[in-house]
C-alpha atoms as a PDB file:
ATOM      1  CA  MET A   1     180.357  50.447 193.475  1.00  0.00           C
ATOM      2  CA  GLN A   2     178.471  53.798 194.761  1.00  0.00           C
ATOM      3  CA  LEU A   3     176.637  53.762 197.736  1.00  0.00           C
ATOM      4  CA  GLN A   4     176.697  55.409 201.011  1.00  0.00           C
ATOM      5  CA  ILE A   5     179.565  54.269 203.137  1.00  0.00           C
ATOM      6  CA  VAL A   6     178.481  54.742 206.999  1.00  0.00           C
ATOM      7  CA  CYS A   7     179.909  54.177 210.228  1.00  0.00           C
ATOM      8  CA  GLU A   8     177.786  53.901 213.105  1.00  0.00           C
ATOM      9  CA  ASP A   9     180.711  53.516 215.405  1.00  0.00           C
ATOM     10  CA  SER A  10     183.682  56.192 215.601  1.00  0.00           C
ATOM     11  CA  THR A  11     186.420  53.837 216.856  1.00  0.00           C
ATOM     12  CA  GLN A  12     186.188  52.144 213.678  1.00  0.00           C
ATOM     13  CA  THR A  13     186.276  55.015 211.106  1.00  0.00           C
ATOM     14  CA  GLU A  14     189.939  54.020 210.191  1.00  0.00           C
ATOM     15  CA  ARG A  15     188.940  50.178 209.577  1.00  0.00           C
ATOM     16  CA  LEU A  16     185.652  51.245 207.542  1.00  0.00           C
ATOM     17  CA  SER A  17     187.950  53.827 205.227  1.00  0.00           C
ATOM     18  CA  GLU A  18     190.468  50.737 204.492  1.00  0.00           C
ATOM     19  CA  ILE A  19     187.528  48.313 203.617  1.00  0.00           C
ATOM     20  CA  ALA A  20     186.275  51.063 201.176  1.00  0.00           C
ATOM     21  CA  GLU A  21     189.666  51.721 199.554  1.00  0.00           C
ATOM     22  CA  ARG A  22     190.222  47.833 199.321  1.00  0.00           C
ATOM     23  CA  TRP A  23     187.302  46.958 197.551  1.00  0.00           C
ATOM     24  CA  GLY A  24     186.857  50.547 195.432  1.00  0.00           C
ATOM     25  CA  LEU A  25     183.748  51.554 197.292  1.00  0.00           C
ATOM     26  CA  GLN A  26     182.840  55.228 196.616  1.00  0.00           C
ATOM     27  CA  HIS A  27     180.711  56.922 198.808  1.00  0.00           C
ATOM     28  CA  ASP A  28     177.292  58.119 197.440  1.00  0.00           C
ATOM     29  CA  GLU A  29     174.539  60.263 199.182  1.00  0.00           C
ATOM     30  CA  GLN A  30     172.291  59.872 196.787  1.00  0.00           C
ATOM     31  CA  SER A  31     172.490  55.712 196.641  1.00  0.00           C
ATOM     32  CA  SER A  32     169.647  53.574 198.362  1.00  0.00           C
ATOM     33  CA  PHE A  33     172.054  51.319 199.517  1.00  0.00           C
ATOM     34  CA  ALA A  34     174.545  51.692 202.329  1.00  0.00           C
ATOM     35  CA  LEU A  35     177.498  49.916 203.566  1.00  0.00           C
ATOM     36  CA  VAL A  36     177.235  50.193 207.392  1.00  0.00           C
ATOM     37  CA  LEU A  37     179.925  49.627 209.858  1.00  0.00           C
ATOM     38  CA  THR A  38     178.262  49.063 213.369  1.00  0.00           C
ATOM     39  CA  GLU A  39     179.757  48.049 216.469  1.00  0.00           C
ATOM     40  CA  HIS A  40     179.382  44.407 215.939  1.00  0.00           C
ATOM     41  CA  ARG A  41     179.473  43.756 212.222  1.00  0.00           C
ATOM     42  CA  LEU A  42     179.029  45.385 208.618  1.00  0.00           C
ATOM     43  CA  GLU A  43     175.707  45.053 207.246  1.00  0.00           C
ATOM     44  CA  LEU A  44     174.177  46.206 203.507  1.00  0.00           C
ATOM     45  CA  ARG A  45     171.293  48.580 204.161  1.00  0.00           C
ATOM     46  CA  LYS A  46     168.454  49.121 201.842  1.00  0.00           C
ATOM     47  CA  LEU A  47     167.848  52.402 203.213  1.00  0.00           C
ATOM     48  CA  ASP A  48     164.712  53.499 201.294  1.00  0.00           C
ATOM     49  CA  GLU A  49     162.857  50.216 202.502  1.00  0.00           C
ATOM     50  CA  PRO A  50     164.113  49.619 206.410  1.00  0.00           C
ATOM     51  CA  LYS A  51     161.559  47.502 207.201  1.00  0.00           C
ATOM     52  CA  LEU A  52     163.751  44.429 204.786  1.00  0.00           C
ATOM     53  CA  GLY A  53     166.312  44.949 207.799  1.00  0.00           C
ATOM     54  CA  ALA A  54     170.447  44.841 206.968  1.00  0.00           C
ATOM     55  CA  ILE A  55     171.939  41.815 205.202  1.00  0.00           C
ATOM     56  CA  TYR A  56     175.187  40.625 206.938  1.00  0.00           C
ATOM     57  CA  VAL A  57     176.578  37.035 207.191  1.00  0.00           C
ATOM     58  CA  ASP A  58     177.114  35.555 210.597  1.00  0.00           C
ATOM     59  CA  LEU A  59     179.939  32.651 209.997  1.00  0.00           C
ATOM     60  CA  VAL A  60     180.480  32.375 213.892  1.00  0.00           C
ATOM     61  CA  ALA A  61     177.171  31.864 215.221  1.00  0.00           C
ATOM     62  CA  GLY A  62     173.774  30.186 214.998  1.00  0.00           C
ATOM     63  CA  ALA A  63     173.195  27.297 212.214  1.00  0.00           C
ATOM     64  CA  VAL A  64     176.083  27.827 210.742  1.00  0.00           C
ATOM     65  CA  ALA A  65     178.449  27.431 214.049  1.00  0.00           C
ATOM     66  CA  HIS A  66     176.396  24.257 214.796  1.00  0.00           C
ATOM     67  CA  ARG A  67     176.757  22.901 210.807  1.00  0.00           C
ATOM     68  CA  ARG A  68     180.572  23.292 211.401  1.00  0.00           C
ATOM     69  CA  LYS A  69     181.108  21.746 214.756  1.00  0.00           C
ATOM     70  CA  PHE A  70     178.273  19.063 214.323  1.00  0.00           C
ATOM     71  CA  GLY A  71     177.365  19.069 210.837  1.00  0.00           C
ATOM     72  CA  GLY A  72     179.636  15.624 209.849  1.00  0.00           C
ATOM     73  CA  GLY A  73     182.412  16.957 208.590  1.00  0.00           C
ATOM     74  CA  LYS A  74     184.054  15.181 205.376  1.00  0.00           C
ATOM     75  CA  GLY A  75     180.875  12.617 205.789  1.00  0.00           C
ATOM     76  CA  GLN A  76     178.858  15.670 204.999  1.00  0.00           C
ATOM     77  CA  ALA A  77     177.261  15.767 201.048  1.00  0.00           C
ATOM     78  CA  ILE A  78     178.802  18.908 199.918  1.00  0.00           C
ATOM     79  CA  ALA A  79     182.298  17.769 201.357  1.00  0.00           C
ATOM     80  CA  LYS A  80     181.260  14.350 199.262  1.00  0.00           C
ATOM     81  CA  ALA A  81     180.937  16.167 196.279  1.00  0.00           C
ATOM     82  CA  ALA A  82     184.309  17.866 196.429  1.00  0.00           C
ATOM     83  CA  GLY A  83     186.074  14.660 196.785  1.00  0.00           C
ATOM     84  CA  LEU A  84     186.832  15.257 200.789  1.00  0.00           C
ATOM     85  CA  ASN A  85     185.736  11.773 201.121  1.00  0.00           C
ATOM     86  CA  LYS A  86     188.821  10.484 199.607  1.00  0.00           C
ATOM     87  CA  GLY A  87     191.599  12.546 201.714  1.00  0.00           C
ATOM     88  CA  ALA A  88     191.970  14.991 199.240  1.00  0.00           C
ATOM     89  CA  THR A  89     191.406  18.881 199.983  1.00  0.00           C
ATOM     90  CA  PRO A  90     190.703  20.251 196.265  1.00  0.00           C
ATOM     91  CA  THR A  91     190.253  24.114 195.161  1.00  0.00           C
ATOM     92  CA  VAL A  92     186.976  24.789 194.411  1.00  0.00           C
ATOM     93  CA  LEU A  93     185.000  27.201 192.787  1.00  0.00           C
ATOM     94  CA  ASP A  94     181.327  27.837 194.727  1.00  0.00           C
ATOM     95  CA  GLY A  95     179.333  28.879 191.639  1.00  0.00           C
ATOM     96  CA  THR A  96     176.341  29.918 193.795  1.00  0.00           C
ATOM     97  CA  ALA A  97     177.984  31.487 196.369  1.00  0.00           C
ATOM     98  CA  GLY A  98     175.068  33.241 198.499  1.00  0.00           C
ATOM     99  CA  LEU A  99     175.914  34.436 201.175  1.00  0.00           C
ATOM    100  CA  GLY A 100     178.818  31.580 202.045  1.00  0.00           C
ATOM    101  CA  ARG A 101     177.805  28.935 203.797  1.00  0.00           C
ATOM    102  CA  ASP A 102     178.673  25.950 201.519  1.00  0.00           C
ATOM    103  CA  ALA A 103     181.899  27.830 201.372  1.00  0.00           C
ATOM    104  CA  PHE A 104     182.358  28.229 204.911  1.00  0.00           C
ATOM    105  CA  VAL A 105     182.061  24.548 205.295  1.00  0.00           C
ATOM    106  CA  LEU A 106     184.160  23.580 202.775  1.00  0.00           C
ATOM    107  CA  ALA A 107     187.147  26.118 203.614  1.00  0.00           C
ATOM    108  CA  SER A 108     186.770  24.759 207.365  1.00  0.00           C
ATOM    109  CA  LEU A 109     187.493  21.244 206.141  1.00  0.00           C
ATOM    110  CA  GLY A 110     190.767  22.653 204.234  1.00  0.00           C
ATOM    111  CA  CYS A 111     189.799  23.266 200.779  1.00  0.00           C
ATOM    112  CA  LYS A 112     190.866  26.326 199.322  1.00  0.00           C
ATOM    113  CA  VAL A 113     187.818  28.189 197.888  1.00  0.00           C
ATOM    114  CA  GLN A 114     186.780  30.639 195.601  1.00  0.00           C
ATOM    115  CA  MET A 115     183.434  31.865 195.629  1.00  0.00           C
ATOM    116  CA  VAL A 116     181.240  33.750 193.053  1.00  0.00           C
ATOM    117  CA  GLU A 117     177.941  35.060 193.064  1.00  0.00           C
ATOM    118  CA  ARG A 118     175.910  36.687 190.056  1.00  0.00           C
ATOM    119  CA  HIS A 119     175.833  40.278 190.122  1.00  0.00           C
ATOM    120  CA  PRO A 120     172.541  41.246 188.193  1.00  0.00           C
END
């Protein structure tokens, strides 16, 4: 995939290079998309529409953290659908991965999760 690869934190340059190499990303100065490593997170930005803001996933704070801590554990509908209420920890294919919230909950309950998302 070709997109701009930008490091806003000079102490993280090597880390960003490793990420790009691992995922086969190539820097393209002409791309309207940029993968940006900030001091706090990795973001995807659409440079020609800055009002959209960055896309990033935070599985540590906010609603996802609350769901993980207080969401009902194996009693959650997603856990029951995966068969966790019977004590199993199956391998799960999440065919609508999105930002990974359901997959994160299942993984935190012990499942091995493979995530797939459609790419236009």
